N, C-alpha and C. Protein backbone atom coordinates (compact mmCIF):
# COMPACT_ATOMS: atom_id res chain seq x y z
N MET A 1 76.25 -54.74 -31.96
CA MET A 1 75.98 -53.54 -31.19
C MET A 1 74.49 -53.42 -30.86
N VAL A 2 73.61 -53.81 -31.82
CA VAL A 2 72.16 -53.74 -31.59
C VAL A 2 71.48 -54.95 -32.23
N HIS A 3 70.28 -55.20 -31.78
CA HIS A 3 69.38 -56.09 -32.51
C HIS A 3 68.02 -55.43 -32.54
N LEU A 4 67.19 -55.88 -33.45
CA LEU A 4 65.86 -55.30 -33.62
C LEU A 4 64.82 -56.28 -33.08
N ALA A 5 63.92 -55.76 -32.25
CA ALA A 5 62.81 -56.55 -31.71
C ALA A 5 61.52 -56.01 -32.29
N LYS A 6 60.65 -56.90 -32.77
CA LYS A 6 59.38 -56.43 -33.33
C LYS A 6 58.64 -55.59 -32.31
N TRP A 7 58.01 -54.53 -32.81
CA TRP A 7 57.25 -53.61 -31.97
C TRP A 7 56.14 -54.39 -31.26
N SER A 8 55.94 -54.12 -29.97
CA SER A 8 54.91 -54.85 -29.22
C SER A 8 54.05 -53.87 -28.42
N GLU A 9 53.03 -54.41 -27.81
CA GLU A 9 52.06 -53.61 -27.05
C GLU A 9 52.74 -52.75 -25.98
N GLY A 10 53.79 -53.26 -25.36
CA GLY A 10 54.46 -52.53 -24.28
C GLY A 10 55.42 -51.44 -24.71
N ASP A 11 55.49 -51.14 -26.00
CA ASP A 11 56.47 -50.18 -26.51
C ASP A 11 55.95 -48.77 -26.72
N LEU A 12 54.73 -48.51 -26.31
CA LEU A 12 54.14 -47.18 -26.47
C LEU A 12 55.02 -46.10 -25.83
N TRP A 13 55.66 -46.40 -24.72
CA TRP A 13 56.48 -45.41 -24.02
C TRP A 13 57.57 -44.82 -24.92
N ILE A 14 58.07 -45.61 -25.88
CA ILE A 14 59.11 -45.11 -26.78
C ILE A 14 58.53 -44.00 -27.66
N LEU A 15 57.33 -44.22 -28.19
CA LEU A 15 56.68 -43.17 -28.97
C LEU A 15 56.44 -41.93 -28.13
N GLU A 16 56.02 -42.12 -26.90
CA GLU A 16 55.77 -40.97 -26.01
C GLU A 16 57.05 -40.20 -25.74
N ARG A 17 58.15 -40.89 -25.46
CA ARG A 17 59.44 -40.21 -25.22
C ARG A 17 59.93 -39.48 -26.45
N CYS A 18 59.70 -40.06 -27.63
CA CYS A 18 60.17 -39.45 -28.88
C CYS A 18 59.26 -38.34 -29.37
N ASN A 19 58.16 -38.10 -28.69
CA ASN A 19 57.19 -37.09 -29.12
C ASN A 19 57.50 -35.71 -28.54
N ALA A 20 58.70 -35.50 -28.09
CA ALA A 20 59.12 -34.21 -27.52
C ALA A 20 59.46 -33.22 -28.63
N PRO A 21 59.31 -31.93 -28.37
CA PRO A 21 59.61 -30.92 -29.41
C PRO A 21 61.01 -31.07 -30.01
N GLU A 22 62.01 -31.36 -29.20
CA GLU A 22 63.38 -31.48 -29.72
C GLU A 22 63.55 -32.73 -30.59
N MET A 23 62.71 -33.74 -30.40
CA MET A 23 62.79 -34.97 -31.20
C MET A 23 61.95 -34.88 -32.47
N THR A 24 61.02 -33.96 -32.53
CA THR A 24 60.11 -33.86 -33.68
C THR A 24 60.26 -32.55 -34.44
N ALA A 25 61.31 -31.81 -34.14
CA ALA A 25 61.51 -30.49 -34.76
C ALA A 25 61.54 -30.55 -36.28
N PHE A 26 62.07 -31.63 -36.86
CA PHE A 26 62.16 -31.75 -38.31
C PHE A 26 60.99 -32.52 -38.90
N LEU A 27 60.01 -32.87 -38.07
CA LEU A 27 58.88 -33.70 -38.51
C LEU A 27 57.53 -33.03 -38.30
N GLY A 28 57.52 -31.74 -38.14
CA GLY A 28 56.25 -31.04 -37.99
C GLY A 28 55.79 -30.89 -36.55
N GLY A 29 56.62 -31.27 -35.58
CA GLY A 29 56.28 -31.10 -34.16
C GLY A 29 55.59 -32.30 -33.55
N PRO A 30 55.39 -32.25 -32.23
CA PRO A 30 54.76 -33.36 -31.50
C PRO A 30 53.36 -33.68 -32.03
N GLU A 31 52.99 -34.95 -31.91
CA GLU A 31 51.67 -35.41 -32.30
C GLU A 31 50.75 -35.43 -31.08
N SER A 32 49.45 -35.42 -31.33
CA SER A 32 48.46 -35.54 -30.26
C SER A 32 48.50 -36.95 -29.68
N GLU A 33 47.95 -37.10 -28.50
CA GLU A 33 47.87 -38.43 -27.87
C GLU A 33 47.10 -39.40 -28.76
N GLU A 34 46.03 -38.91 -29.38
CA GLU A 34 45.22 -39.75 -30.27
C GLU A 34 46.06 -40.27 -31.45
N LYS A 35 46.88 -39.40 -32.05
CA LYS A 35 47.72 -39.82 -33.17
C LYS A 35 48.80 -40.80 -32.72
N LEU A 36 49.35 -40.57 -31.52
CA LEU A 36 50.35 -41.51 -31.00
C LEU A 36 49.75 -42.89 -30.80
N LEU A 37 48.55 -42.94 -30.22
CA LEU A 37 47.89 -44.23 -29.99
C LEU A 37 47.57 -44.92 -31.31
N ASP A 38 47.16 -44.16 -32.32
CA ASP A 38 46.90 -44.74 -33.64
C ASP A 38 48.19 -45.29 -34.26
N ARG A 39 49.27 -44.52 -34.15
CA ARG A 39 50.57 -44.96 -34.67
C ARG A 39 51.00 -46.25 -33.96
N HIS A 40 50.86 -46.26 -32.65
CA HIS A 40 51.24 -47.45 -31.86
C HIS A 40 50.44 -48.67 -32.33
N ARG A 41 49.14 -48.51 -32.52
CA ARG A 41 48.30 -49.61 -32.98
C ARG A 41 48.79 -50.14 -34.32
N ARG A 42 49.10 -49.23 -35.25
CA ARG A 42 49.61 -49.65 -36.57
C ARG A 42 50.94 -50.38 -36.43
N TYR A 43 51.80 -49.90 -35.56
CA TYR A 43 53.10 -50.56 -35.36
C TYR A 43 52.92 -51.96 -34.79
N VAL A 44 52.02 -52.13 -33.84
CA VAL A 44 51.79 -53.45 -33.24
C VAL A 44 51.23 -54.41 -34.28
N GLU A 45 50.29 -53.93 -35.09
CA GLU A 45 49.63 -54.81 -36.06
C GLU A 45 50.53 -55.17 -37.22
N SER A 46 51.43 -54.32 -37.63
CA SER A 46 52.34 -54.50 -38.77
C SER A 46 51.71 -55.33 -39.89
N SER A 47 52.44 -55.49 -40.98
CA SER A 47 51.92 -56.22 -42.12
C SER A 47 53.08 -56.67 -43.00
N PRO A 48 52.79 -57.49 -44.03
CA PRO A 48 53.86 -57.87 -44.94
C PRO A 48 54.45 -56.67 -45.68
N ALA A 49 53.74 -55.53 -45.65
CA ALA A 49 54.20 -54.32 -46.34
C ALA A 49 55.09 -53.48 -45.45
N GLY A 50 55.69 -54.07 -44.42
CA GLY A 50 56.62 -53.36 -43.57
C GLY A 50 56.61 -53.86 -42.14
N GLN A 51 57.53 -53.32 -41.36
CA GLN A 51 57.65 -53.75 -39.97
C GLN A 51 58.32 -52.64 -39.16
N MET A 52 57.82 -52.39 -37.97
CA MET A 52 58.47 -51.47 -37.03
C MET A 52 59.15 -52.28 -35.94
N TYR A 53 60.27 -51.74 -35.47
CA TYR A 53 61.09 -52.42 -34.48
C TYR A 53 61.49 -51.47 -33.36
N VAL A 54 61.80 -52.07 -32.23
CA VAL A 54 62.49 -51.40 -31.14
C VAL A 54 63.97 -51.71 -31.34
N ILE A 55 64.80 -50.69 -31.21
CA ILE A 55 66.25 -50.89 -31.29
C ILE A 55 66.73 -51.25 -29.89
N VAL A 56 67.31 -52.43 -29.74
CA VAL A 56 67.77 -52.91 -28.44
C VAL A 56 69.29 -53.03 -28.49
N THR A 57 69.95 -52.36 -27.55
CA THR A 57 71.41 -52.41 -27.50
C THR A 57 71.86 -53.74 -26.92
N ASP A 58 73.13 -54.07 -27.11
CA ASP A 58 73.68 -55.33 -26.59
C ASP A 58 73.55 -55.44 -25.08
N ASP A 59 73.50 -54.30 -24.39
CA ASP A 59 73.33 -54.34 -22.93
C ASP A 59 71.86 -54.26 -22.51
N GLY A 60 70.95 -54.42 -23.48
CA GLY A 60 69.53 -54.55 -23.17
C GLY A 60 68.72 -53.27 -23.10
N PHE A 61 69.32 -52.12 -23.37
CA PHE A 61 68.57 -50.87 -23.34
C PHE A 61 67.75 -50.71 -24.62
N HIS A 62 66.54 -50.20 -24.47
CA HIS A 62 65.72 -49.85 -25.63
C HIS A 62 66.12 -48.43 -26.03
N ALA A 63 66.77 -48.32 -27.19
CA ALA A 63 67.40 -47.07 -27.60
C ALA A 63 66.55 -46.23 -28.54
N GLY A 64 65.44 -46.78 -29.04
CA GLY A 64 64.61 -46.03 -29.97
C GLY A 64 63.85 -46.97 -30.88
N SER A 65 63.47 -46.44 -32.04
CA SER A 65 62.68 -47.23 -32.98
C SER A 65 63.23 -47.06 -34.39
N ILE A 66 62.93 -48.04 -35.23
CA ILE A 66 63.28 -48.00 -36.64
C ILE A 66 62.33 -48.94 -37.36
N GLY A 67 62.12 -48.70 -38.62
CA GLY A 67 61.26 -49.60 -39.38
C GLY A 67 61.38 -49.35 -40.86
N TYR A 68 60.61 -50.12 -41.60
CA TYR A 68 60.52 -49.93 -43.04
C TYR A 68 59.08 -50.19 -43.46
N TRP A 69 58.66 -49.54 -44.52
CA TRP A 69 57.30 -49.66 -45.03
C TRP A 69 57.31 -49.30 -46.51
N GLU A 70 56.26 -49.69 -47.21
CA GLU A 70 56.17 -49.40 -48.63
C GLU A 70 55.86 -47.93 -48.87
N HIS A 71 56.45 -47.41 -49.95
CA HIS A 71 56.27 -46.01 -50.35
C HIS A 71 56.33 -45.96 -51.88
N GLU A 72 55.45 -45.16 -52.46
CA GLU A 72 55.47 -44.96 -53.91
C GLU A 72 56.45 -43.85 -54.24
N GLU A 73 57.38 -44.15 -55.14
CA GLU A 73 58.42 -43.20 -55.50
C GLU A 73 58.62 -43.26 -57.01
N GLY A 74 58.22 -42.21 -57.73
CA GLY A 74 58.43 -42.16 -59.17
C GLY A 74 57.77 -43.31 -59.92
N GLY A 75 56.58 -43.72 -59.50
CA GLY A 75 55.87 -44.79 -60.16
C GLY A 75 56.32 -46.18 -59.76
N GLU A 76 57.24 -46.26 -58.82
CA GLU A 76 57.76 -47.55 -58.35
C GLU A 76 57.50 -47.67 -56.85
N THR A 77 57.23 -48.88 -56.39
CA THR A 77 57.09 -49.10 -54.95
C THR A 77 58.46 -49.45 -54.40
N VAL A 78 58.87 -48.71 -53.37
CA VAL A 78 60.17 -48.91 -52.72
C VAL A 78 59.93 -49.08 -51.22
N TRP A 79 60.95 -49.46 -50.52
CA TRP A 79 60.90 -49.44 -49.06
C TRP A 79 61.35 -48.06 -48.60
N GLU A 80 60.67 -47.53 -47.61
CA GLU A 80 61.08 -46.30 -46.93
C GLU A 80 61.47 -46.68 -45.51
N THR A 81 62.44 -46.00 -44.95
CA THR A 81 62.81 -46.24 -43.57
C THR A 81 62.80 -44.93 -42.79
N GLY A 82 62.64 -45.05 -41.49
CA GLY A 82 62.71 -43.92 -40.59
C GLY A 82 63.07 -44.42 -39.21
N TRP A 83 63.62 -43.55 -38.38
CA TRP A 83 64.11 -43.95 -37.08
C TRP A 83 63.97 -42.81 -36.09
N ALA A 84 64.05 -43.15 -34.83
CA ALA A 84 64.10 -42.17 -33.74
C ALA A 84 64.97 -42.78 -32.66
N ILE A 85 66.02 -42.07 -32.29
CA ILE A 85 66.94 -42.54 -31.26
C ILE A 85 66.77 -41.66 -30.03
N LEU A 86 66.54 -42.29 -28.89
CA LEU A 86 66.37 -41.53 -27.66
C LEU A 86 67.63 -40.72 -27.37
N PRO A 87 67.48 -39.51 -26.82
CA PRO A 87 68.63 -38.62 -26.65
C PRO A 87 69.83 -39.24 -25.94
N GLU A 88 69.59 -40.04 -24.92
CA GLU A 88 70.72 -40.62 -24.17
C GLU A 88 71.48 -41.68 -24.95
N HIS A 89 70.96 -42.08 -26.11
CA HIS A 89 71.64 -43.09 -26.93
C HIS A 89 72.18 -42.52 -28.24
N GLN A 90 72.01 -41.23 -28.45
CA GLN A 90 72.50 -40.61 -29.68
C GLN A 90 74.01 -40.44 -29.64
N GLY A 91 74.61 -40.44 -30.83
CA GLY A 91 76.05 -40.21 -30.96
C GLY A 91 76.91 -41.40 -30.59
N LYS A 92 76.34 -42.59 -30.52
CA LYS A 92 77.09 -43.79 -30.12
C LYS A 92 77.20 -44.83 -31.23
N GLY A 93 76.72 -44.51 -32.42
CA GLY A 93 76.75 -45.46 -33.53
C GLY A 93 75.56 -46.41 -33.56
N ILE A 94 74.64 -46.24 -32.64
CA ILE A 94 73.48 -47.13 -32.54
C ILE A 94 72.58 -46.99 -33.76
N ALA A 95 72.33 -45.78 -34.21
CA ALA A 95 71.45 -45.58 -35.36
C ALA A 95 72.05 -46.21 -36.62
N THR A 96 73.34 -46.03 -36.83
CA THR A 96 73.99 -46.63 -38.00
C THR A 96 73.85 -48.14 -37.97
N ALA A 97 74.11 -48.74 -36.82
CA ALA A 97 73.98 -50.19 -36.68
C ALA A 97 72.54 -50.64 -36.91
N ALA A 98 71.57 -49.86 -36.43
CA ALA A 98 70.17 -50.21 -36.61
C ALA A 98 69.77 -50.12 -38.08
N ILE A 99 70.28 -49.14 -38.81
CA ILE A 99 69.98 -49.02 -40.23
C ILE A 99 70.52 -50.22 -40.99
N VAL A 100 71.70 -50.67 -40.64
CA VAL A 100 72.26 -51.88 -41.29
C VAL A 100 71.32 -53.06 -41.07
N GLU A 101 70.82 -53.20 -39.83
CA GLU A 101 69.92 -54.32 -39.51
C GLU A 101 68.57 -54.19 -40.21
N VAL A 102 68.01 -52.99 -40.26
CA VAL A 102 66.71 -52.84 -40.92
C VAL A 102 66.84 -53.04 -42.43
N ALA A 103 67.97 -52.67 -43.01
CA ALA A 103 68.20 -52.91 -44.43
C ALA A 103 68.24 -54.41 -44.71
N LYS A 104 68.85 -55.18 -43.83
CA LYS A 104 68.86 -56.64 -43.98
C LYS A 104 67.45 -57.20 -43.92
N ALA A 105 66.65 -56.70 -42.98
CA ALA A 105 65.27 -57.17 -42.84
C ALA A 105 64.45 -56.83 -44.08
N ALA A 106 64.59 -55.62 -44.59
CA ALA A 106 63.85 -55.20 -45.78
C ALA A 106 64.30 -56.03 -47.00
N ALA A 107 65.59 -56.24 -47.13
CA ALA A 107 66.11 -57.03 -48.25
C ALA A 107 65.58 -58.46 -48.20
N ALA A 108 65.46 -59.01 -47.00
CA ALA A 108 64.99 -60.38 -46.83
C ALA A 108 63.55 -60.55 -47.33
N GLN A 109 62.78 -59.47 -47.36
CA GLN A 109 61.42 -59.53 -47.90
C GLN A 109 61.44 -59.88 -49.38
N GLY A 110 62.50 -59.44 -50.08
CA GLY A 110 62.67 -59.76 -51.49
C GLY A 110 61.71 -59.07 -52.45
N SER A 111 60.98 -58.08 -51.98
CA SER A 111 59.95 -57.50 -52.85
C SER A 111 60.33 -56.16 -53.48
N HIS A 112 61.31 -55.43 -52.92
CA HIS A 112 61.69 -54.14 -53.49
C HIS A 112 63.21 -54.04 -53.54
N ARG A 113 63.71 -53.29 -54.51
CA ARG A 113 65.15 -53.21 -54.76
C ARG A 113 65.88 -52.16 -53.93
N THR A 114 65.14 -51.14 -53.44
CA THR A 114 65.81 -50.05 -52.74
C THR A 114 65.11 -49.68 -51.45
N LEU A 115 65.90 -49.11 -50.55
CA LEU A 115 65.43 -48.57 -49.28
C LEU A 115 65.72 -47.08 -49.31
N HIS A 116 64.71 -46.25 -49.07
CA HIS A 116 64.87 -44.79 -49.11
C HIS A 116 64.69 -44.19 -47.72
N ALA A 117 65.37 -43.09 -47.49
CA ALA A 117 65.18 -42.27 -46.29
C ALA A 117 65.02 -40.83 -46.76
N TYR A 118 64.19 -40.07 -46.02
CA TYR A 118 63.84 -38.71 -46.45
C TYR A 118 64.03 -37.70 -45.31
N PRO A 119 65.24 -37.52 -44.82
CA PRO A 119 65.42 -36.50 -43.78
C PRO A 119 65.31 -35.09 -44.35
N GLY A 120 64.80 -34.18 -43.54
CA GLY A 120 64.74 -32.78 -43.95
C GLY A 120 66.13 -32.27 -44.33
N VAL A 121 66.18 -31.37 -45.30
CA VAL A 121 67.48 -30.86 -45.75
C VAL A 121 68.24 -30.18 -44.62
N ASP A 122 67.54 -29.65 -43.63
CA ASP A 122 68.19 -28.98 -42.50
C ASP A 122 68.55 -29.92 -41.36
N ASN A 123 68.19 -31.19 -41.47
CA ASN A 123 68.47 -32.16 -40.41
C ASN A 123 69.85 -32.75 -40.66
N SER A 124 70.87 -32.02 -40.24
CA SER A 124 72.25 -32.42 -40.54
C SER A 124 72.61 -33.77 -39.91
N ALA A 125 72.09 -34.07 -38.73
CA ALA A 125 72.42 -35.35 -38.09
C ALA A 125 71.88 -36.53 -38.89
N SER A 126 70.63 -36.47 -39.32
CA SER A 126 70.05 -37.58 -40.09
C SER A 126 70.66 -37.69 -41.48
N ASN A 127 71.00 -36.57 -42.09
CA ASN A 127 71.66 -36.63 -43.39
C ASN A 127 73.05 -37.24 -43.27
N ALA A 128 73.78 -36.88 -42.23
CA ALA A 128 75.10 -37.49 -42.01
C ALA A 128 74.97 -38.98 -41.73
N LEU A 129 73.94 -39.35 -41.00
CA LEU A 129 73.70 -40.76 -40.70
C LEU A 129 73.44 -41.55 -41.99
N CYS A 130 72.65 -41.00 -42.89
CA CYS A 130 72.41 -41.67 -44.17
C CYS A 130 73.72 -41.90 -44.91
N ARG A 131 74.57 -40.89 -44.93
CA ARG A 131 75.87 -41.00 -45.60
C ARG A 131 76.71 -42.10 -44.95
N ARG A 132 76.78 -42.10 -43.61
CA ARG A 132 77.57 -43.12 -42.89
C ARG A 132 77.04 -44.53 -43.12
N ALA A 133 75.72 -44.65 -43.28
CA ALA A 133 75.11 -45.97 -43.44
C ALA A 133 75.20 -46.49 -44.88
N GLY A 134 75.80 -45.70 -45.78
CA GLY A 134 76.02 -46.17 -47.14
C GLY A 134 74.95 -45.79 -48.15
N PHE A 135 74.02 -44.91 -47.78
CA PHE A 135 73.01 -44.44 -48.72
C PHE A 135 73.66 -43.50 -49.73
N SER A 136 73.05 -43.39 -50.89
CA SER A 136 73.46 -42.44 -51.94
C SER A 136 72.39 -41.37 -52.03
N LEU A 137 72.82 -40.13 -52.23
CA LEU A 137 71.90 -39.00 -52.30
C LEU A 137 71.38 -38.81 -53.72
N LEU A 138 70.05 -38.84 -53.86
CA LEU A 138 69.42 -38.55 -55.15
C LEU A 138 69.19 -37.05 -55.31
N GLY A 139 68.95 -36.33 -54.20
CA GLY A 139 68.72 -34.90 -54.26
C GLY A 139 67.57 -34.47 -53.39
N ALA A 140 67.32 -33.18 -53.37
CA ALA A 140 66.26 -32.61 -52.55
C ALA A 140 64.94 -32.68 -53.29
N ARG A 141 63.85 -32.81 -52.54
CA ARG A 141 62.51 -32.84 -53.11
C ARG A 141 61.50 -32.47 -52.04
N GLU A 142 60.31 -32.12 -52.48
CA GLU A 142 59.22 -31.82 -51.54
C GLU A 142 58.60 -33.14 -51.09
N PHE A 143 58.26 -33.19 -49.80
CA PHE A 143 57.75 -34.42 -49.21
C PHE A 143 56.68 -34.05 -48.20
N GLU A 144 55.58 -34.76 -48.22
CA GLU A 144 54.48 -34.48 -47.29
C GLU A 144 54.59 -35.39 -46.08
N TYR A 145 54.92 -34.80 -44.94
CA TYR A 145 54.95 -35.54 -43.68
C TYR A 145 54.93 -34.55 -42.53
N PRO A 146 54.03 -34.75 -41.59
CA PRO A 146 52.86 -35.61 -41.69
C PRO A 146 51.88 -35.04 -42.70
N LYS A 147 50.76 -35.74 -42.92
CA LYS A 147 49.77 -35.30 -43.89
C LYS A 147 49.45 -33.83 -43.67
N GLY A 148 49.49 -33.05 -44.77
CA GLY A 148 49.18 -31.63 -44.69
C GLY A 148 50.37 -30.75 -44.39
N HIS A 149 51.55 -31.34 -44.13
CA HIS A 149 52.76 -30.57 -43.81
C HIS A 149 53.83 -30.90 -44.84
N TRP A 150 54.11 -29.93 -45.71
CA TRP A 150 55.12 -30.13 -46.75
C TRP A 150 56.47 -29.64 -46.27
N MET A 151 57.50 -30.39 -46.60
CA MET A 151 58.85 -30.03 -46.20
C MET A 151 59.81 -30.39 -47.34
N THR A 152 60.97 -29.77 -47.34
CA THR A 152 62.00 -30.11 -48.31
C THR A 152 62.92 -31.14 -47.67
N CYS A 153 63.00 -32.28 -48.31
CA CYS A 153 63.79 -33.41 -47.80
C CYS A 153 64.86 -33.79 -48.81
N ASN A 154 65.85 -34.47 -48.31
CA ASN A 154 66.81 -35.14 -49.18
C ASN A 154 66.30 -36.56 -49.40
N ASP A 155 66.38 -37.04 -50.60
CA ASP A 155 66.01 -38.41 -50.94
C ASP A 155 67.30 -39.23 -51.02
N TRP A 156 67.50 -40.05 -50.01
CA TRP A 156 68.64 -40.96 -49.94
C TRP A 156 68.16 -42.37 -50.27
N TYR A 157 68.97 -43.15 -50.97
CA TYR A 157 68.58 -44.52 -51.27
C TYR A 157 69.74 -45.48 -51.05
N LEU A 158 69.37 -46.70 -50.76
CA LEU A 158 70.34 -47.78 -50.55
C LEU A 158 69.89 -48.95 -51.39
N GLU A 159 70.77 -49.47 -52.25
CA GLU A 159 70.47 -50.66 -53.03
C GLU A 159 70.44 -51.86 -52.11
N LEU A 160 69.37 -52.65 -52.22
CA LEU A 160 69.25 -53.86 -51.42
C LEU A 160 69.73 -55.06 -52.24
C-alpha cells in the first residue's frame, strides 16, 4: 500500500501543508517559517539516531511524513515515532501501513527494543491508529512538545 522514501530537499512542501491549524491542533499549533525550515534541515540531514520519511502511496502520491528518532524514556533510550497524513489521504489505511514500515526500519537498526508513540489523550484518531498498528498502551503521562508546551499524552509502545 505504501513505501517510505528518505526525506529530501524537495519535501519542504509537506511540512508546509501539515503546518495548518487543523493538522497541528494536538501539537501546540502551527510553527513559524523559521522553525519549519530548521525542522526540514534536520530531516534532510538525518543521522544514525533516526530517520524521517515521506510516505509514498502505491500510485505515487506523497501522502505525508513519518519517522523515528531516539528518545529517553524512564532511563532507557527508545525509538519514538510520529507521523502526519495529509487530509486527502486520511482514513484510507495509509498511516497504519506506514507505521508497519517505519517499525521495520527502526527494528533493522538493531539498537533499541521498543518504538513509542505519544499522541495527546484527546487525539482519538492517533490513539485509534496506535491500537490498529499493534501498539500497547502504557498509560497517560505529561509530555513536552514542542519545547515549553506541556500536554497529556498516551504512551503507546510496540516491541521490535
